[in-house]
Amino acid sequence: MNIITSEDVKHLKEELLFLIDTMEKIAANGMYNNGKKVSIYLSNINFEASYSYMESREFKLSFIRVYSINSFDSIHPSICKVQKEWIQSLKRYSTMITESGEMQRFNFFRIQREYVNNL
């Protein structure tokens, strides 16, 4: 359909590579630029959904995105509890690349850059 020009692709690639570089630095340091700690894990389990859980003193939120189209979020305590437990169980089968797993982290971000460069 020629909606995206080659110049658009070039700009998208630059932005994606910048994002990958930023994420790699965050993974290596274990924190965002504002000093907040973060943990990043790699999983060999292929999911057709994305799972997120956020918690603060004021609220808990569960978020599930299925096939990148539909999503479901909830602040209901029992849904949040189950979601948190599910994510905790996934961590047991995943590799933490935040401040550790240097080889896996290097390979992961190298592969992400290859994907972008092949666009």
PDB file of N, CA and C in Angstrom:
ATOM      1  N   MET A   1       0.814  -1.185   0.000  1.00  0.00           N
ATOM      2  CA  MET A   1       0.000   0.000   0.000  1.00  0.00           C
ATOM      3  C   MET A   1       0.866   1.260   0.000  1.00  0.00           C
ATOM      4  N   ASN A   2       2.159   1.118   0.221  1.00  0.00           N
ATOM      5  CA  ASN A   2       3.093   2.249   0.199  1.00  0.00           C
ATOM      6  C   ASN A   2       2.698   3.383   1.159  1.00  0.00           C
ATOM      7  N   ILE A   3       2.186   3.009   2.299  1.00  0.00           N
ATOM      8  CA  ILE A   3       1.807   4.003   3.302  1.00  0.00           C
ATOM      9  C   ILE A   3       3.046   4.517   4.029  1.00  0.00           C
ATOM     10  N   ILE A   4       3.996   3.626   4.273  1.00  0.00           N
ATOM     11  CA  ILE A   4       5.218   3.985   4.987  1.00  0.00           C
ATOM     12  C   ILE A   4       6.344   4.121   3.974  1.00  0.00           C
ATOM     13  N   THR A   5       6.957   5.270   3.961  1.00  0.00           N
ATOM     14  CA  THR A   5       8.047   5.518   3.021  1.00  0.00           C
ATOM     15  C   THR A   5       9.348   4.922   3.555  1.00  0.00           C
ATOM     16  N   SER A   6      10.340   4.837   2.717  1.00  0.00           N
ATOM     17  CA  SER A   6      11.647   4.340   3.159  1.00  0.00           C
ATOM     18  C   SER A   6      12.247   5.280   4.198  1.00  0.00           C
ATOM     19  N   GLU A   7      11.940   6.567   4.092  1.00  0.00           N
ATOM     20  CA  GLU A   7      12.403   7.522   5.102  1.00  0.00           C
ATOM     21  C   GLU A   7      11.719   7.253   6.443  1.00  0.00           C
ATOM     22  N   ASP A   8      10.419   6.905   6.414  1.00  0.00           N
ATOM     23  CA  ASP A   8       9.702   6.545   7.635  1.00  0.00           C
ATOM     24  C   ASP A   8      10.331   5.313   8.285  1.00  0.00           C
ATOM     25  N   VAL A   9      10.650   4.330   7.475  1.00  0.00           N
ATOM     26  CA  VAL A   9      11.271   3.104   7.979  1.00  0.00           C
ATOM     27  C   VAL A   9      12.609   3.433   8.629  1.00  0.00           C
ATOM     28  N   LYS A  10      13.370   4.294   7.994  1.00  0.00           N
ATOM     29  CA  LYS A  10      14.667   4.701   8.548  1.00  0.00           C
ATOM     30  C   LYS A  10      14.476   5.331   9.928  1.00  0.00           C
ATOM     31  N   HIS A  11      13.507   6.238  10.053  1.00  0.00           N
ATOM     32  CA  HIS A  11      13.253   6.898  11.339  1.00  0.00           C
ATOM     33  C   HIS A  11      12.760   5.897  12.393  1.00  0.00           C
ATOM     34  N   LEU A  12      11.890   4.991  11.990  1.00  0.00           N
ATOM     35  CA  LEU A  12      11.397   3.966  12.914  1.00  0.00           C
ATOM     36  C   LEU A  12      12.541   3.088  13.414  1.00  0.00           C
ATOM     37  N   LYS A  13      13.422   2.703  12.513  1.00  0.00           N
ATOM     38  CA  LYS A  13      14.575   1.892  12.901  1.00  0.00           C
ATOM     39  C   LYS A  13      15.454   2.640  13.895  1.00  0.00           C
ATOM     40  N   GLU A  14      15.687   3.923  13.644  1.00  0.00           N
ATOM     41  CA  GLU A  14      16.499   4.724  14.562  1.00  0.00           C
ATOM     42  C   GLU A  14      15.856   4.778  15.952  1.00  0.00           C
ATOM     43  N   GLU A  15      14.546   4.979  15.990  1.00  0.00           N
ATOM     44  CA  GLU A  15      13.846   5.053  17.274  1.00  0.00           C
ATOM     45  C   GLU A  15      13.863   3.713  17.995  1.00  0.00           C
ATOM     46  N   LEU A  16      13.668   2.627  17.251  1.00  0.00           N
ATOM     47  CA  LEU A  16      13.703   1.302  17.866  1.00  0.00           C
ATOM     48  C   LEU A  16      15.094   0.969  18.400  1.00  0.00           C
ATOM     49  N   LEU A  17      16.118   1.312  17.650  1.00  0.00           N
ATOM     50  CA  LEU A  17      17.488   1.067  18.115  1.00  0.00           C
ATOM     51  C   LEU A  17      17.790   1.898  19.357  1.00  0.00           C
ATOM     52  N   PHE A  18      17.295   3.128  19.405  1.00  0.00           N
ATOM     53  CA  PHE A  18      17.460   3.958  20.595  1.00  0.00           C
ATOM     54  C   PHE A  18      16.763   3.311  21.794  1.00  0.00           C
ATOM     55  N   LEU A  19      15.547   2.797  21.576  1.00  0.00           N
ATOM     56  CA  LEU A  19      14.802   2.127  22.638  1.00  0.00           C
ATOM     57  C   LEU A  19      15.557   0.892  23.132  1.00  0.00           C
ATOM     58  N   ILE A  20      16.100   0.109  22.224  1.00  0.00           N
ATOM     59  CA  ILE A  20      16.862  -1.084  22.603  1.00  0.00           C
ATOM     60  C   ILE A  20      18.086  -0.695  23.420  1.00  0.00           C
ATOM     61  N   ASP A  21      18.810   0.340  22.967  1.00  0.00           N
ATOM     62  CA  ASP A  21      19.977   0.812  23.716  1.00  0.00           C
ATOM     63  C   ASP A  21      19.587   1.252  25.126  1.00  0.00           C
ATOM     64  N   THR A  22      18.470   1.978  25.225  1.00  0.00           N
ATOM     65  CA  THR A  22      17.994   2.452  26.519  1.00  0.00           C
ATOM     66  C   THR A  22      17.623   1.280  27.425  1.00  0.00           C
ATOM     67  N   MET A  23      16.897   0.314  26.891  1.00  0.00           N
ATOM     68  CA  MET A  23      16.495  -0.851  27.678  1.00  0.00           C
ATOM     69  C   MET A  23      17.714  -1.663  28.123  1.00  0.00           C
ATOM     70  N   GLU A  24      18.721  -1.745  27.273  1.00  0.00           N
ATOM     71  CA  GLU A  24      19.923  -2.487  27.644  1.00  0.00           C
ATOM     72  C   GLU A  24      20.647  -1.799  28.812  1.00  0.00           C
ATOM     73  N   LYS A  25      20.708  -0.480  28.776  1.00  0.00           N
ATOM     74  CA  LYS A  25      21.328   0.266  29.878  1.00  0.00           C
ATOM     75  C   LYS A  25      20.527   0.079  31.167  1.00  0.00           C
ATOM     76  N   ILE A  26      19.213   0.123  31.057  1.00  0.00           N
ATOM     77  CA  ILE A  26      18.356  -0.073  32.225  1.00  0.00           C
ATOM     78  C   ILE A  26      18.577  -1.473  32.792  1.00  0.00           C
ATOM     79  N   ALA A  27      18.642  -2.467  31.934  1.00  0.00           N
ATOM     80  CA  ALA A  27      18.862  -3.844  32.386  1.00  0.00           C
ATOM     81  C   ALA A  27      20.220  -3.991  33.057  1.00  0.00           C
ATOM     82  N   ALA A  28      21.237  -3.356  32.511  1.00  0.00           N
ATOM     83  CA  ALA A  28      22.579  -3.453  33.082  1.00  0.00           C
ATOM     84  C   ALA A  28      22.660  -2.763  34.444  1.00  0.00           C
ATOM     85  N   ASN A  29      22.005  -1.603  34.580  1.00  0.00           N
ATOM     86  CA  ASN A  29      22.070  -0.825  35.820  1.00  0.00           C
ATOM     87  C   ASN A  29      21.040  -1.243  36.859  1.00  0.00           C
ATOM     88  N   GLY A  30      19.943  -1.838  36.415  1.00  0.00           N
ATOM     89  CA  GLY A  30      18.893  -2.251  37.340  1.00  0.00           C
ATOM     90  C   GLY A  30      18.009  -1.123  37.806  1.00  0.00           C
ATOM     91  N   MET A  31      18.068   0.014  37.085  1.00  0.00           N
ATOM     92  CA  MET A  31      17.187   1.113  37.475  1.00  0.00           C
ATOM     93  C   MET A  31      16.939   2.048  36.298  1.00  0.00           C
ATOM     94  N   TYR A  32      15.796   2.738  36.397  1.00  0.00           N
ATOM     95  CA  TYR A  32      15.460   3.760  35.426  1.00  0.00           C
ATOM     96  C   TYR A  32      16.326   4.991  35.675  1.00  0.00           C
ATOM     97  N   ASN A  33      16.272   5.954  34.771  1.00  0.00           N
ATOM     98  CA  ASN A  33      17.040   7.194  34.926  1.00  0.00           C
ATOM     99  C   ASN A  33      16.659   7.964  36.186  1.00  0.00           C
ATOM    100  N   ASN A  34      15.431   7.769  36.663  1.00  0.00           N
ATOM    101  CA  ASN A  34      14.970   8.484  37.866  1.00  0.00           C
ATOM    102  C   ASN A  34      15.382   7.780  39.158  1.00  0.00           C
ATOM    103  N   GLY A  35      16.117   6.666  39.037  1.00  0.00           N
ATOM    104  CA  GLY A  35      16.605   5.956  40.212  1.00  0.00           C
ATOM    105  C   GLY A  35      15.701   4.848  40.716  1.00  0.00           C
ATOM    106  N   LYS A  36      14.521   4.679  40.101  1.00  0.00           N
ATOM    107  CA  LYS A  36      13.608   3.612  40.510  1.00  0.00           C
ATOM    108  C   LYS A  36      14.152   2.264  40.023  1.00  0.00           C
ATOM    109  N   LYS A  37      14.136   1.273  40.918  1.00  0.00           N
ATOM    110  CA  LYS A  37      14.645  -0.057  40.579  1.00  0.00           C
ATOM    111  C   LYS A  37      13.702  -0.782  39.623  1.00  0.00           C
ATOM    112  N   VAL A  38      14.278  -1.643  38.816  1.00  0.00           N
ATOM    113  CA  VAL A  38      13.508  -2.428  37.853  1.00  0.00           C
ATOM    114  C   VAL A  38      14.156  -3.801  37.722  1.00  0.00           C
ATOM    115  N   SER A  39      13.337  -4.808  37.459  1.00  0.00           N
ATOM    116  CA  SER A  39      13.832  -6.162  37.191  1.00  0.00           C
ATOM    117  C   SER A  39      13.301  -6.602  35.837  1.00  0.00           C
ATOM    118  N   ILE A  40      14.194  -7.109  34.995  1.00  0.00           N
ATOM    119  CA  ILE A  40      13.818  -7.569  33.662  1.00  0.00           C
ATOM    120  C   ILE A  40      14.196  -9.043  33.546  1.00  0.00           C
ATOM    121  N   TYR A  41      13.244  -9.839  33.090  1.00  0.00           N
ATOM    122  CA  TYR A  41      13.444 -11.275  32.948  1.00  0.00           C
ATOM    123  C   TYR A  41      13.208 -11.683  31.503  1.00  0.00           C
ATOM    124  N   LEU A  42      13.933 -12.713  31.068  1.00  0.00           N
ATOM    125  CA  LEU A  42      13.694 -13.335  29.766  1.00  0.00           C
ATOM    126  C   LEU A  42      13.103 -14.703  30.013  1.00  0.00           C
ATOM    127  N   SER A  43      12.107 -15.053  29.220  1.00  0.00           N
ATOM    128  CA  SER A  43      11.469 -16.349  29.362  1.00  0.00           C
ATOM    129  C   SER A  43      11.523 -17.097  28.042  1.00  0.00           C
ATOM    130  N   ASN A  44      11.763 -18.389  28.127  1.00  0.00           N
ATOM    131  CA  ASN A  44      11.733 -19.232  26.927  1.00  0.00           C
ATOM    132  C   ASN A  44      10.333 -19.744  26.647  1.00  0.00           C
ATOM    133  N   ILE A  45       9.405 -19.416  27.518  1.00  0.00           N
ATOM    134  CA  ILE A  45       8.014 -19.825  27.324  1.00  0.00           C
ATOM    135  C   ILE A  45       7.354 -18.808  26.418  1.00  0.00           C
ATOM    136  N   ASN A  46       6.752 -19.280  25.327  1.00  0.00           N
ATOM    137  CA  ASN A  46       6.106 -18.390  24.366  1.00  0.00           C
ATOM    138  C   ASN A  46       4.641 -18.191  24.754  1.00  0.00           C
ATOM    139  N   PHE A  47       4.272 -16.952  25.016  1.00  0.00           N
ATOM    140  CA  PHE A  47       2.908 -16.627  25.388  1.00  0.00           C
ATOM    141  C   PHE A  47       2.245 -15.866  24.253  1.00  0.00           C
ATOM    142  N   GLU A  48       0.950 -16.046  24.136  1.00  0.00           N
ATOM    143  CA  GLU A  48       0.176 -15.264  23.186  1.00  0.00           C
ATOM    144  C   GLU A  48      -0.488 -14.100  23.907  1.00  0.00           C
ATOM    145  N   ALA A  49       0.065 -13.733  25.039  1.00  0.00           N
ATOM    146  CA  ALA A  49      -0.485 -12.627  25.815  1.00  0.00           C
ATOM    147  C   ALA A  49       0.650 -11.964  26.587  1.00  0.00           C
ATOM    148  N   SER A  50       0.416 -10.728  26.991  1.00  0.00           N
ATOM    149  CA  SER A  50       1.353 -10.003  27.837  1.00  0.00           C
ATOM    150  C   SER A  50       0.694  -9.789  29.190  1.00  0.00           C
ATOM    151  N   TYR A  51       1.457 -10.015  30.223  1.00  0.00           N
ATOM    152  CA  TYR A  51       0.940  -9.887  31.576  1.00  0.00           C
ATOM    153  C   TYR A  51       1.705  -8.797  32.298  1.00  0.00           C
ATOM    154  N   SER A  52       0.979  -7.899  32.948  1.00  0.00           N
ATOM    155  CA  SER A  52       1.601  -6.851  33.744  1.00  0.00           C
ATOM    156  C   SER A  52       0.884  -6.770  35.075  1.00  0.00           C
ATOM    157  N   TYR A  53       1.663  -6.446  36.092  1.00  0.00           N
ATOM    158  CA  TYR A  53       1.090  -6.237  37.410  1.00  0.00           C
ATOM    159  C   TYR A  53       1.797  -5.041  38.018  1.00  0.00           C
ATOM    160  N   MET A  54       1.028  -4.084  38.487  1.00  0.00           N
ATOM    161  CA  MET A  54       1.588  -2.894  39.118  1.00  0.00           C
ATOM    162  C   MET A  54       1.015  -2.766  40.510  1.00  0.00           C
ATOM    163  N   GLU A  55       1.884  -2.360  41.444  1.00  0.00           N
ATOM    164  CA  GLU A  55       1.449  -2.221  42.819  1.00  0.00           C
ATOM    165  C   GLU A  55       2.129  -1.016  43.440  1.00  0.00           C
ATOM    166  N   SER A  56       1.354  -0.249  44.163  1.00  0.00           N
ATOM    167  CA  SER A  56       1.885   0.876  44.937  1.00  0.00           C
ATOM    168  C   SER A  56       1.143   0.887  46.267  1.00  0.00           C
ATOM    169  N   ARG A  57       1.447   1.873  47.082  1.00  0.00           N
ATOM    170  CA  ARG A  57       0.730   1.985  48.358  1.00  0.00           C
ATOM    171  C   ARG A  57      -0.754   2.281  48.123  1.00  0.00           C
ATOM    172  N   GLU A  58      -1.056   2.967  47.039  1.00  0.00           N
ATOM    173  CA  GLU A  58      -2.435   3.404  46.785  1.00  0.00           C
ATOM    174  C   GLU A  58      -3.295   2.406  46.015  1.00  0.00           C
ATOM    175  N   PHE A  59      -2.680   1.578  45.147  1.00  0.00           N
ATOM    176  CA  PHE A  59      -3.502   0.694  44.322  1.00  0.00           C
ATOM    177  C   PHE A  59      -2.712  -0.513  43.830  1.00  0.00           C
ATOM    178  N   LYS A  60      -3.472  -1.489  43.321  1.00  0.00           N
ATOM    179  CA  LYS A  60      -2.931  -2.657  42.630  1.00  0.00           C
ATOM    180  C   LYS A  60      -3.676  -2.758  41.315  1.00  0.00           C
ATOM    181  N   LEU A  61      -2.950  -3.104  40.240  1.00  0.00           N
ATOM    182  CA  LEU A  61      -3.560  -3.184  38.918  1.00  0.00           C
ATOM    183  C   LEU A  61      -3.006  -4.374  38.156  1.00  0.00           C
ATOM    184  N   SER A  62      -3.896  -5.179  37.603  1.00  0.00           N
ATOM    185  CA  SER A  62      -3.536  -6.288  36.726  1.00  0.00           C
ATOM    186  C   SER A  62      -3.905  -5.920  35.306  1.00  0.00           C
ATOM    187  N   PHE A  63      -3.036  -6.295  34.386  1.00  0.00           N
ATOM    188  CA  PHE A  63      -3.274  -5.963  32.985  1.00  0.00           C
ATOM    189  C   PHE A  63      -2.874  -7.157  32.131  1.00  0.00           C
ATOM    190  N   ILE A  64      -3.775  -7.593  31.259  1.00  0.00           N
ATOM    191  CA  ILE A  64      -3.510  -8.708  30.343  1.00  0.00           C
ATOM    192  C   ILE A  64      -3.857  -8.250  28.941  1.00  0.00           C
ATOM    193  N   ARG A  65      -2.905  -8.388  28.023  1.00  0.00           N
ATOM    194  CA  ARG A  65      -3.149  -8.054  26.622  1.00  0.00           C
ATOM    195  C   ARG A  65      -3.041  -9.358  25.827  1.00  0.00           C
ATOM    196  N   VAL A  66      -4.076  -9.637  25.037  1.00  0.00           N
ATOM    197  CA  VAL A  66      -4.134 -10.877  24.269  1.00  0.00           C
ATOM    198  C   VAL A  66      -4.047 -10.564  22.785  1.00  0.00           C
ATOM    199  N   TYR A  67      -3.121 -11.213  22.094  1.00  0.00           N
ATOM    200  CA  TYR A  67      -2.931 -11.067  20.641  1.00  0.00           C
ATOM    201  C   TYR A  67      -2.755  -9.618  20.213  1.00  0.00           C
ATOM    202  N   SER A  68      -2.236  -8.785  21.074  1.00  0.00           N
ATOM    203  CA  SER A  68      -1.943  -7.373  20.791  1.00  0.00           C
ATOM    204  C   SER A  68      -3.164  -6.573  20.354  1.00  0.00           C
ATOM    205  N   ILE A  69      -4.339  -7.114  20.551  1.00  0.00           N
ATOM    206  CA  ILE A  69      -5.549  -6.404  20.133  1.00  0.00           C
ATOM    207  C   ILE A  69      -6.437  -6.119  21.339  1.00  0.00           C
ATOM    208  N   ASN A  70      -6.818  -7.161  22.018  1.00  0.00           N
ATOM    209  CA  ASN A  70      -7.738  -7.016  23.143  1.00  0.00           C
ATOM    210  C   ASN A  70      -6.961  -6.964  24.455  1.00  0.00           C
ATOM    211  N   SER A  71      -7.528  -6.262  25.412  1.00  0.00           N
ATOM    212  CA  SER A  71      -6.880  -6.210  26.713  1.00  0.00           C
ATOM    213  C   SER A  71      -7.918  -6.269  27.818  1.00  0.00           C
ATOM    214  N   PHE A  72      -7.420  -6.619  28.982  1.00  0.00           N
ATOM    215  CA  PHE A  72      -8.251  -6.740  30.157  1.00  0.00           C
ATOM    216  C   PHE A  72      -7.459  -6.159  31.322  1.00  0.00           C
ATOM    217  N   ASP A  73      -8.065  -5.268  32.068  1.00  0.00           N
ATOM    218  CA  ASP A  73      -7.392  -4.784  33.263  1.00  0.00           C
ATOM    219  C   ASP A  73      -8.366  -4.813  34.429  1.00  0.00           C
ATOM    220  N   SER A  74      -7.792  -4.921  35.624  1.00  0.00           N
ATOM    221  CA  SER A  74      -8.641  -5.024  36.803  1.00  0.00           C
ATOM    222  C   SER A  74      -7.913  -4.477  38.026  1.00  0.00           C
ATOM    223  N   ILE A  75      -8.689  -3.878  38.913  1.00  0.00           N
ATOM    224  CA  ILE A  75      -8.175  -3.458  40.211  1.00  0.00           C
ATOM    225  C   ILE A  75      -8.795  -4.317  41.326  1.00  0.00           C
ATOM    226  N   HIS A  76      -9.560  -5.330  40.925  1.00  0.00           N
ATOM    227  CA  HIS A  76     -10.203  -6.211  41.905  1.00  0.00           C
ATOM    228  C   HIS A  76      -9.120  -6.975  42.671  1.00  0.00           C
ATOM    229  N   PRO A  77      -9.182  -6.963  44.013  1.00  0.00           N
ATOM    230  CA  PRO A  77      -8.117  -7.587  44.811  1.00  0.00           C
ATOM    231  C   PRO A  77      -7.831  -9.050  44.490  1.00  0.00           C
ATOM    232  N   SER A  78      -8.863  -9.853  44.251  1.00  0.00           N
ATOM    233  CA  SER A  78      -8.607 -11.275  43.985  1.00  0.00           C
ATOM    234  C   SER A  78      -7.971 -11.480  42.610  1.00  0.00           C
ATOM    235  N   ILE A  79      -8.366 -10.698  41.621  1.00  0.00           N
ATOM    236  CA  ILE A  79      -7.741 -10.773  40.292  1.00  0.00           C
ATOM    237  C   ILE A  79      -6.276 -10.364  40.397  1.00  0.00           C
ATOM    238  N   CYS A  80      -6.012  -9.284  41.106  1.00  0.00           N
ATOM    239  CA  CYS A  80      -4.636  -8.807  41.276  1.00  0.00           C
ATOM    240  C   CYS A  80      -3.784  -9.835  42.002  1.00  0.00           C
ATOM    241  N   LYS A  81      -4.342 -10.478  43.010  1.00  0.00           N
ATOM    242  CA  LYS A  81      -3.606 -11.495  43.772  1.00  0.00           C
ATOM    243  C   LYS A  81      -3.206 -12.664  42.876  1.00  0.00           C
ATOM    244  N   VAL A  82      -4.157 -13.151  42.081  1.00  0.00           N
ATOM    245  CA  VAL A  82      -3.874 -14.271  41.178  1.00  0.00           C
ATOM    246  C   VAL A  82      -2.840 -13.875  40.123  1.00  0.00           C
ATOM    247  N   GLN A  83      -2.979 -12.677  39.589  1.00  0.00           N
ATOM    248  CA  GLN A  83      -2.042 -12.179  38.577  1.00  0.00           C
ATOM    249  C   GLN A  83      -0.626 -12.086  39.148  1.00  0.00           C
ATOM    250  N   LYS A  84      -0.507 -11.537  40.344  1.00  0.00           N
ATOM    251  CA  LYS A  84       0.798 -11.409  40.989  1.00  0.00           C
ATOM    252  C   LYS A  84       1.420 -12.791  41.213  1.00  0.00           C
ATOM    253  N   GLU A  85       0.629 -13.737  41.692  1.00  0.00           N
ATOM    254  CA  GLU A  85       1.127 -15.103  41.906  1.00  0.00           C
ATOM    255  C   GLU A  85       1.563 -15.748  40.601  1.00  0.00           C
ATOM    256  N   TRP A  86       0.815 -15.525  39.522  1.00  0.00           N
ATOM    257  CA  TRP A  86       1.146 -16.082  38.216  1.00  0.00           C
ATOM    258  C   TRP A  86       2.500 -15.526  37.740  1.00  0.00           C
ATOM    259  N   ILE A  87       2.676 -14.239  37.850  1.00  0.00           N
ATOM    260  CA  ILE A  87       3.932 -13.619  37.409  1.00  0.00           C
ATOM    261  C   ILE A  87       5.087 -14.103  38.279  1.00  0.00           C
ATOM    262  N   GLN A  88       4.869 -14.225  39.578  1.00  0.00           N
ATOM    263  CA  GLN A  88       5.922 -14.749  40.460  1.00  0.00           C
ATOM    264  C   GLN A  88       6.316 -16.161  40.056  1.00  0.00           C
ATOM    265  N   SER A  89       5.344 -16.988  39.659  1.00  0.00           N
ATOM    266  CA  SER A  89       5.661 -18.358  39.242  1.00  0.00           C
ATOM    267  C   SER A  89       6.439 -18.369  37.924  1.00  0.00           C
ATOM    268  N   LEU A  90       6.146 -17.435  37.030  1.00  0.00           N
ATOM    269  CA  LEU A  90       6.876 -17.353  35.764  1.00  0.00           C
ATOM    270  C   LEU A  90       8.344 -17.006  35.986  1.00  0.00           C
ATOM    271  N   LYS A  91       8.618 -16.211  36.994  1.00  0.00           N
ATOM    272  CA  LYS A  91       9.992 -15.806  37.278  1.00  0.00           C
ATOM    273  C   LYS A  91      10.883 -17.004  37.594  1.00  0.00           C
ATOM    274  N   ARG A  92      10.314 -18.068  38.151  1.00  0.00           N
ATOM    275  CA  ARG A  92      11.103 -19.255  38.479  1.00  0.00           C
ATOM    276  C   ARG A  92      11.640 -19.946  37.230  1.00  0.00           C
ATOM    277  N   TYR A  93      10.972 -19.738  36.100  1.00  0.00           N
ATOM    278  CA  TYR A  93      11.369 -20.384  34.854  1.00  0.00           C
ATOM    279  C   TYR A  93      11.975 -19.394  33.872  1.00  0.00           C
ATOM    280  N   SER A  94      12.385 -18.260  34.362  1.00  0.00           N
ATOM    281  CA  SER A  94      12.923 -17.197  33.516  1.00  0.00           C
ATOM    282  C   SER A  94      14.336 -16.841  33.970  1.00  0.00           C
ATOM    283  N   THR A  95      15.032 -16.102  33.108  1.00  0.00           N
ATOM    284  CA  THR A  95      16.391 -15.660  33.408  1.00  0.00           C
ATOM    285  C   THR A  95      16.372 -14.169  33.678  1.00  0.00           C
ATOM    286  N   MET A  96      16.829 -13.792  34.853  1.00  0.00           N
ATOM    287  CA  MET A  96      16.905 -12.374  35.182  1.00  0.00           C
ATOM    288  C   MET A  96      18.124 -11.785  34.484  1.00  0.00           C
ATOM    289  N   ILE A  97      17.905 -10.704  33.728  1.00  0.00           N
ATOM    290  CA  ILE A  97      19.020 -10.061  33.021  1.00  0.00           C
ATOM    291  C   ILE A  97      19.310  -8.675  33.583  1.00  0.00           C
ATOM    292  N   THR A  98      18.685  -8.343  34.699  1.00  0.00           N
ATOM    293  CA  THR A  98      18.944  -7.064  35.348  1.00  0.00           C
ATOM    294  C   THR A  98      20.103  -7.251  36.308  1.00  0.00           C
ATOM    295  N   GLU A  99      21.201  -6.561  36.043  1.00  0.00           N
ATOM    296  CA  GLU A  99      22.399  -6.625  36.871  1.00  0.00           C
ATOM    297  C   GLU A  99      22.958  -8.040  36.984  1.00  0.00           C
ATOM    298  N   SER A 100      22.559  -8.937  36.106  1.00  0.00           N
ATOM    299  CA  SER A 100      23.066 -10.314  36.099  1.00  0.00           C
ATOM    300  C   SER A 100      22.785 -10.895  34.713  1.00  0.00           C
ATOM    301  N   GLY A 101      23.140 -12.145  34.509  1.00  0.00           N
ATOM    302  CA  GLY A 101      22.867 -12.792  33.225  1.00  0.00           C
ATOM    303  C   GLY A 101      23.464 -12.030  32.060  1.00  0.00           C
ATOM    304  N   GLU A 102      24.711 -11.594  32.221  1.00  0.00           N
ATOM    305  CA  GLU A 102      25.321 -10.719  31.215  1.00  0.00           C
ATOM    306  C   GLU A 102      25.356 -11.343  29.823  1.00  0.00           C
ATOM    307  N   MET A 103      25.672 -12.612  29.737  1.00  0.00           N
ATOM    308  CA  MET A 103      25.718 -13.277  28.424  1.00  0.00           C
ATOM    309  C   MET A 103      24.325 -13.306  27.787  1.00  0.00           C
ATOM    310  N   GLN A 104      23.324 -13.692  28.559  1.00  0.00           N
ATOM    311  CA  GLN A 104      21.955 -13.745  28.036  1.00  0.00           C
ATOM    312  C   GLN A 104      21.475 -12.352  27.656  1.00  0.00           C
ATOM    313  N   ARG A 105      21.800 -11.356  28.478  1.00  0.00           N
ATOM    314  CA  ARG A 105      21.399  -9.981  28.186  1.00  0.00           C
ATOM    315  C   ARG A 105      22.047  -9.512  26.890  1.00  0.00           C
ATOM    316  N   PHE A 106      23.338  -9.736  26.746  1.00  0.00           N
ATOM    317  CA  PHE A 106      24.047  -9.339  25.535  1.00  0.00           C
ATOM    318  C   PHE A 106      23.424  -9.990  24.298  1.00  0.00           C
ATOM    319  N   ASN A 107      23.200 -11.299  24.365  1.00  0.00           N
ATOM    320  CA  ASN A 107      22.627 -12.015  23.217  1.00  0.00           C
ATOM    321  C   ASN A 107      21.212 -11.552  22.903  1.00  0.00           C
ATOM    322  N   PHE A 108      20.397 -11.326  23.930  1.00  0.00           N
ATOM    323  CA  PHE A 108      19.029 -10.875  23.711  1.00  0.00           C
ATOM    324  C   PHE A 108      19.007  -9.545  22.964  1.00  0.00           C
ATOM    325  N   PHE A 109      19.761  -8.568  23.440  1.00  0.00           N
ATOM    326  CA  PHE A 109      19.735  -7.252  22.808  1.00  0.00           C
ATOM    327  C   PHE A 109      20.415  -7.264  21.442  1.00  0.00           C
ATOM    328  N   ARG A 110      21.400  -8.128  21.251  1.00  0.00           N
ATOM    329  CA  ARG A 110      22.016  -8.276  19.928  1.00  0.00           C
ATOM    330  C   ARG A 110      20.978  -8.780  18.921  1.00  0.00           C
ATOM    331  N   ILE A 111      20.197  -9.767  19.318  1.00  0.00           N
ATOM    332  CA  ILE A 111      19.165 -10.325  18.435  1.00  0.00           C
ATOM    333  C   ILE A 111      18.087  -9.278  18.144  1.00  0.00           C
ATOM    334  N   GLN A 112      17.704  -8.477  19.150  1.00  0.00           N
ATOM    335  CA  GLN A 112      16.708  -7.429  18.927  1.00  0.00           C
ATOM    336  C   GLN A 112      17.214  -6.423  17.895  1.00  0.00           C
ATOM    337  N   ARG A 113      18.494  -6.076  17.988  1.00  0.00           N
ATOM    338  CA  ARG A 113      19.072  -5.146  17.003  1.00  0.00           C
ATOM    339  C   ARG A 113      19.085  -5.761  15.606  1.00  0.00           C
ATOM    340  N   GLU A 114      19.347  -7.055  15.513  1.00  0.00           N
ATOM    341  CA  GLU A 114      19.311  -7.730  14.210  1.00  0.00           C
ATOM    342  C   GLU A 114      17.905  -7.671  13.605  1.00  0.00           C
ATOM    343  N   TYR A 115      16.890  -7.906  14.421  1.00  0.00           N
ATOM    344  CA  TYR A 115      15.510  -7.821  13.939  1.00  0.00           C
ATOM    345  C   TYR A 115      15.234  -6.439  13.351  1.00  0.00           C
ATOM    346  N   VAL A 116      15.623  -5.412  14.089  1.00  0.00           N
ATOM    347  CA  VAL A 116      15.369  -4.042  13.641  1.00  0.00           C
ATOM    348  C   VAL A 116      16.154  -3.749  12.368  1.00  0.00           C
ATOM    349  N   ASN A 117      17.413  -4.123  12.342  1.00  0.00           N
ATOM    350  CA  ASN A 117      18.246  -3.833  11.168  1.00  0.00           C
ATOM    351  C   ASN A 117      17.786  -4.564   9.918  1.00  0.00           C
ATOM    352  N   ASN A 118      17.046  -5.655  10.098  1.00  0.00           N
ATOM    353  CA  ASN A 118      16.535  -6.419   8.955  1.00  0.00           C
ATOM    354  C   ASN A 118      15.174  -5.928   8.446  1.00  0.00           C
ATOM    355  N   LEU A 119      14.648  -4.892   9.061  1.00  0.00           N
ATOM    356  CA  LEU A 119      13.348  -4.350   8.605  1.00  0.00           C
ATOM    357  C   LEU A 119      13.464  -3.749   7.225  1.00  0.00           C
TER     358      LEU A 119
END
